[in-house]
Amino acid sequence: MVNAIKGILISCDIPMAQFIVNLNESMPNAHKFIVYMLDDTHIYVQPNVGEMLTKRLQEFRDQNTYEKPL
């Protein structure tokens, strides 16, 4: 018998994958969202965390963006 789980497949570079893994590990056990790590650049997550991940990743990118001084 096959068990299927709905989710979102994330494809990213290794540093971004590590950020997602660290974010998952900082959550309490009841709120962990990673279903399966396929490899270093592909992560399968629960479908209900799509918006939260998008928001957190945008905040992370905004904090780590270089702006040339005027």
C-alpha atoms as a PDB file:
ATOM      1  CA  MET A   1       0.000   0.000   0.000  1.00  0.00           C
ATOM      2  CA  VAL A   2       1.226   3.486  -0.864  1.00  0.00           C
ATOM      3  CA  ASN A   3       0.945   6.384   1.579  1.00  0.00           C
ATOM      4  CA  ALA A   4       0.701   9.789  -0.072  1.00  0.00           C
ATOM      5  CA  ILE A   5       1.260  13.084   1.700  1.00  0.00           C
ATOM      6  CA  LYS A   6       0.370  16.467   0.213  1.00  0.00           C
ATOM      7  CA  GLY A   7       3.146  18.984   0.337  1.00  0.00           C
ATOM      8  CA  ILE A   8       5.311  21.552  -1.397  1.00  0.00           C
ATOM      9  CA  LEU A   9       8.578  20.694  -3.121  1.00  0.00           C
ATOM     10  CA  ILE A  10      11.195  23.388  -2.576  1.00  0.00           C
ATOM     11  CA  SER A  11      14.182  23.563  -4.894  1.00  0.00           C
ATOM     12  CA  CYS A  12      16.904  25.949  -3.731  1.00  0.00           C
ATOM     13  CA  ASP A  13      20.636  26.372  -3.290  1.00  0.00           C
ATOM     14  CA  ILE A  14      22.458  24.827  -0.336  1.00  0.00           C
ATOM     15  CA  PRO A  15      22.668  27.975   1.865  1.00  0.00           C
ATOM     16  CA  MET A  16      18.923  28.600   1.511  1.00  0.00           C
ATOM     17  CA  ALA A  17      18.210  24.928   2.269  1.00  0.00           C
ATOM     18  CA  GLN A  18      20.289  25.235   5.446  1.00  0.00           C
ATOM     19  CA  PHE A  19      18.284  28.317   6.432  1.00  0.00           C
ATOM     20  CA  ILE A  20      15.044  26.341   5.985  1.00  0.00           C
ATOM     21  CA  VAL A  21      16.417  23.388   7.986  1.00  0.00           C
ATOM     22  CA  ASN A  22      17.512  25.715  10.815  1.00  0.00           C
ATOM     23  CA  LEU A  23      14.109  27.423  10.773  1.00  0.00           C
ATOM     24  CA  ASN A  24      12.437  24.008  11.033  1.00  0.00           C
ATOM     25  CA  GLU A  25      14.693  22.961  13.917  1.00  0.00           C
ATOM     26  CA  SER A  26      13.900  26.167  15.829  1.00  0.00           C
ATOM     27  CA  MET A  27      10.193  25.284  15.839  1.00  0.00           C
ATOM     28  CA  PRO A  28       8.552  23.197  18.575  1.00  0.00           C
ATOM     29  CA  ASN A  29       7.999  19.536  17.619  1.00  0.00           C
ATOM     30  CA  ALA A  30       4.287  20.106  16.966  1.00  0.00           C
ATOM     31  CA  HIS A  31       5.080  22.813  14.378  1.00  0.00           C
ATOM     32  CA  LYS A  32       7.964  21.235  12.447  1.00  0.00           C
ATOM     33  CA  PHE A  33       7.174  21.381   8.746  1.00  0.00           C
ATOM     34  CA  ILE A  34       9.844  19.421   6.831  1.00  0.00           C
ATOM     35  CA  VAL A  35       8.380  16.126   5.637  1.00  0.00           C
ATOM     36  CA  TYR A  36      11.473  14.823   3.846  1.00  0.00           C
ATOM     37  CA  MET A  37      14.913  16.046   2.749  1.00  0.00           C
ATOM     38  CA  LEU A  38      15.324  14.638  -0.766  1.00  0.00           C
ATOM     39  CA  ASP A  39      18.901  15.905  -1.171  1.00  0.00           C
ATOM     40  CA  ASP A  40      20.958  19.003  -0.371  1.00  0.00           C
ATOM     41  CA  THR A  41      18.865  21.266  -2.614  1.00  0.00           C
ATOM     42  CA  HIS A  42      15.360  19.736  -2.541  1.00  0.00           C
ATOM     43  CA  ILE A  43      13.062  19.775   0.488  1.00  0.00           C
ATOM     44  CA  TYR A  44       9.511  18.444   0.750  1.00  0.00           C
ATOM     45  CA  VAL A  45       7.449  20.444   3.284  1.00  0.00           C
ATOM     46  CA  GLN A  46       3.874  20.494   4.572  1.00  0.00           C
ATOM     47  CA  PRO A  47       1.487  22.482   2.358  1.00  0.00           C
ATOM     48  CA  ASN A  48       0.272  24.820   5.112  1.00  0.00           C
ATOM     49  CA  VAL A  49       3.664  26.532   5.590  1.00  0.00           C
ATOM     50  CA  GLY A  50       4.011  28.007   2.099  1.00  0.00           C
ATOM     51  CA  GLU A  51       3.089  31.571   3.061  1.00  0.00           C
ATOM     52  CA  MET A  52       5.126  31.516   6.280  1.00  0.00           C
ATOM     53  CA  LEU A  53       8.216  30.272   4.427  1.00  0.00           C
ATOM     54  CA  THR A  54       7.804  32.886   1.707  1.00  0.00           C
ATOM     55  CA  LYS A  55       7.610  35.630   4.346  1.00  0.00           C
ATOM     56  CA  ARG A  56      10.613  34.358   6.353  1.00  0.00           C
ATOM     57  CA  LEU A  57      12.743  33.883   3.225  1.00  0.00           C
ATOM     58  CA  GLN A  58      11.907  37.402   2.026  1.00  0.00           C
ATOM     59  CA  GLU A  59      12.921  38.821   5.422  1.00  0.00           C
ATOM     60  CA  PHE A  60      16.169  36.813   5.298  1.00  0.00           C
ATOM     61  CA  ARG A  61      16.986  38.075   1.801  1.00  0.00           C
ATOM     62  CA  ASP A  62      16.184  41.672   2.776  1.00  0.00           C
ATOM     63  CA  GLN A  63      18.581  41.452   5.734  1.00  0.00           C
ATOM     64  CA  ASN A  64      21.371  40.051   3.547  1.00  0.00           C
ATOM     65  CA  THR A  65      21.077  42.345   0.542  1.00  0.00           C
ATOM     66  CA  TYR A  66      23.882  44.767  -0.199  1.00  0.00           C
ATOM     67  CA  GLU A  67      22.893  48.272  -1.222  1.00  0.00           C
ATOM     68  CA  LYS A  68      25.543  50.488  -2.698  1.00  0.00           C
ATOM     69  CA  PRO A  69      25.995  53.703  -0.699  1.00  0.00           C
ATOM     70  CA  LEU A  70      24.996  56.900  -2.453  1.00  0.00           C
END
